[in-house]
Amino acid sequence: MTTPNPVHPVDVLLLLTDGEHVLLALREGTGYADGQWNLPSGKLEHGEDAVSAVIREAHEEIGVQLDPSEPRLAATMHHRNTAGHARIGLAFTVAYDPARHQEPINAEPHKCAKIEWFPADMPPSNTYPYTAACLRAFREGQPFALSGWR
């Protein structure tokens, strides 16, 4: 009997920073992790490169326009949720510049209750574990981290 090859969706996550703060979104109405703070993020679509994906997600979720030269890979995360499903996350960082970017807005109110800036080293207690792990890896300068495996 052969074991199937693992299938890991690829996520892109945006660490939009303003000084020592990072922008988080409060999930609502999605049926998954509702009531928890999350980085603006989403899945890589078929045929899409990771930089294009994070630019698309930034625009779709928080209305921010990013230039392809801006996102910098901050961390790669191998996350497993409590149901045992694993995924790969590519966390990109962009320094928010009001002169270059539009003001972040809640562009998906049907999926998000609100967006808010938080100190990167003090996310709310109800931050989704995947996001918390990405923030920790970013702050500690870890290029790769595991989340939910131990």
Protein backbone atom coordinates (compact mmCIF):
# COMPACT_ATOMS: atom_id res chain seq x y z
CA MET A 1 0.00 0.00 0.00
CA THR A 2 1.42 3.38 -0.96
CA THR A 3 1.02 6.54 1.01
CA PRO A 4 -0.24 9.48 -1.03
CA ASN A 5 2.11 12.38 -1.57
CA PRO A 6 1.37 15.30 0.75
CA VAL A 7 -0.62 18.19 -0.63
CA HIS A 8 0.15 21.51 0.99
CA PRO A 9 -1.68 24.62 -0.19
CA VAL A 10 0.60 27.65 -0.53
CA ASP A 11 -0.48 30.81 1.26
CA VAL A 12 0.87 34.32 0.89
CA LEU A 13 0.72 36.51 3.98
CA LEU A 14 1.38 40.25 4.15
CA LEU A 15 3.26 41.82 7.04
CA LEU A 16 2.38 45.45 6.30
CA THR A 17 4.43 47.37 8.82
CA ASP A 18 4.30 50.94 10.03
CA GLY A 19 7.31 51.39 12.26
CA GLU A 20 6.96 48.77 14.99
CA HIS A 21 3.30 48.08 14.14
CA VAL A 22 1.72 45.53 11.83
CA LEU A 23 -1.74 45.56 10.25
CA LEU A 24 -4.09 42.73 11.23
CA ALA A 25 -7.64 41.87 10.17
CA LEU A 26 -10.35 40.45 12.44
CA ARG A 27 -11.98 37.50 10.66
CA GLU A 28 -15.76 37.35 10.61
CA GLY A 29 -18.37 35.46 8.61
CA THR A 30 -15.99 32.99 6.97
CA GLY A 31 -16.70 29.91 9.08
CA TYR A 32 -12.98 29.51 9.74
CA ALA A 33 -11.04 31.25 12.52
CA ASP A 34 -13.81 33.82 12.92
CA GLY A 35 -13.16 36.15 15.86
CA GLN A 36 -9.39 35.84 15.45
CA TRP A 37 -6.88 38.37 14.13
CA ASN A 38 -5.07 37.40 10.97
CA LEU A 39 -2.56 38.87 8.56
CA PRO A 40 -3.97 39.91 5.18
CA SER A 41 -3.47 36.67 3.29
CA GLY A 42 -4.77 34.14 0.84
CA LYS A 43 -3.99 31.13 -1.27
CA LEU A 44 -1.79 31.12 -4.32
CA GLU A 45 -3.98 30.67 -7.40
CA HIS A 46 -3.17 28.27 -10.24
CA GLY A 47 -0.53 29.78 -12.54
CA GLU A 48 0.14 32.73 -10.20
CA ASP A 49 3.55 33.63 -8.81
CA ALA A 50 3.89 34.41 -5.10
CA VAL A 51 4.66 38.12 -5.50
CA SER A 52 1.65 38.65 -7.77
CA ALA A 53 -0.46 36.76 -5.23
CA VAL A 54 0.54 38.92 -2.26
CA ILE A 55 -0.05 42.07 -4.35
CA ARG A 56 -3.50 40.76 -5.35
CA GLU A 57 -4.41 39.82 -1.77
CA ALA A 58 -3.25 43.21 -0.45
CA HIS A 59 -5.53 44.96 -2.90
CA GLU A 60 -8.50 42.58 -2.40
CA GLU A 61 -8.38 42.59 1.40
CA ILE A 62 -7.07 45.99 2.46
CA GLY A 63 -7.20 48.11 -0.72
CA VAL A 64 -3.45 48.77 -0.72
CA GLN A 65 -1.61 49.09 -4.05
CA LEU A 66 1.84 47.51 -3.95
CA ASP A 67 4.58 47.68 -6.54
CA PRO A 68 6.11 44.31 -7.50
CA SER A 69 9.50 45.53 -6.25
CA GLU A 70 8.21 46.09 -2.68
CA PRO A 71 7.35 42.69 -1.13
CA ARG A 72 10.33 41.04 0.56
CA LEU A 73 10.17 37.45 1.79
CA ALA A 74 10.39 37.65 5.57
CA ALA A 75 9.70 34.03 6.53
CA THR A 76 8.51 30.70 5.23
CA MET A 77 6.13 28.87 7.54
CA HIS A 78 5.16 25.19 7.54
CA HIS A 79 1.89 25.27 9.47
CA ARG A 80 -0.40 22.47 10.60
CA ASN A 81 -3.80 23.40 12.01
CA THR A 82 -5.59 21.60 14.84
CA ALA A 83 -7.39 19.35 12.32
CA GLY A 84 -3.98 18.14 11.09
CA HIS A 85 -4.11 19.89 7.71
CA ALA A 86 -0.77 21.36 6.65
CA ARG A 87 0.10 24.32 4.46
CA ILE A 88 3.10 26.34 3.40
CA GLY A 89 3.05 30.08 4.08
CA LEU A 90 5.22 32.70 2.43
CA ALA A 91 5.20 35.79 4.64
CA PHE A 92 6.18 38.95 2.79
CA THR A 93 6.92 42.27 4.44
CA VAL A 94 6.23 45.73 3.07
CA ALA A 95 6.87 49.00 4.93
CA TYR A 96 3.72 51.11 4.70
CA ASP A 97 4.32 54.47 3.04
CA PRO A 98 1.30 56.82 3.01
CA ALA A 99 2.82 58.75 0.09
CA ARG A 100 3.02 55.59 -2.06
CA HIS A 101 0.22 53.34 -0.82
CA GLN A 102 -3.44 53.99 -0.43
CA GLU A 103 -4.78 54.14 3.13
CA PRO A 104 -5.57 50.55 4.23
CA ILE A 105 -9.31 49.87 4.37
CA ASN A 106 -11.46 46.87 5.19
CA ALA A 107 -12.13 45.94 1.56
CA GLU A 108 -13.87 42.65 2.45
CA PRO A 109 -16.42 43.50 5.16
CA HIS A 110 -18.25 40.23 4.44
CA LYS A 111 -15.14 38.35 5.67
CA CYS A 112 -13.59 40.85 8.05
CA ALA A 113 -15.03 42.80 10.99
CA LYS A 114 -12.24 45.40 11.01
CA ILE A 115 -8.55 46.07 10.44
CA GLU A 116 -6.22 47.57 13.00
CA TRP A 117 -2.54 48.29 13.63
CA PHE A 118 -0.91 46.43 16.53
CA PRO A 119 2.63 46.38 17.94
CA ALA A 120 4.33 43.50 16.10
CA ASP A 121 5.70 42.20 19.39
CA MET A 122 2.31 42.34 21.17
CA PRO A 123 -0.43 40.92 18.94
CA PRO A 124 -3.86 40.44 20.55
CA SER A 125 -4.41 37.23 22.54
CA ASN A 126 -6.97 36.10 19.96
CA THR A 127 -4.47 36.15 17.09
CA TYR A 128 -4.73 33.06 14.89
CA PRO A 129 -1.75 30.74 15.66
CA TYR A 130 -0.50 30.75 12.03
CA THR A 131 -0.36 34.57 12.09
CA ALA A 132 1.25 34.60 15.54
CA ALA A 133 3.94 32.20 14.29
CA CYS A 134 4.59 34.38 11.23
CA LEU A 135 4.93 37.47 13.42
CA ARG A 136 7.32 35.66 15.76
CA ALA A 137 9.49 34.41 12.87
CA PHE A 138 9.54 37.92 11.37
CA ARG A 139 10.53 39.58 14.66
CA GLU A 140 13.22 36.97 15.36
CA GLY A 141 14.61 37.05 11.81
CA GLN A 142 13.88 33.34 11.27
CA PRO A 143 13.75 32.58 7.56
CA PHE A 144 11.88 29.29 8.23
CA ALA A 145 9.66 28.13 11.07
CA LEU A 146 7.30 25.31 11.98
CA SER A 147 3.89 25.99 13.48
CA GLY A 148 1.48 23.44 14.94
CA TRP A 149 3.76 20.44 14.56
CA ARG A 150 4.68 19.95 18.23
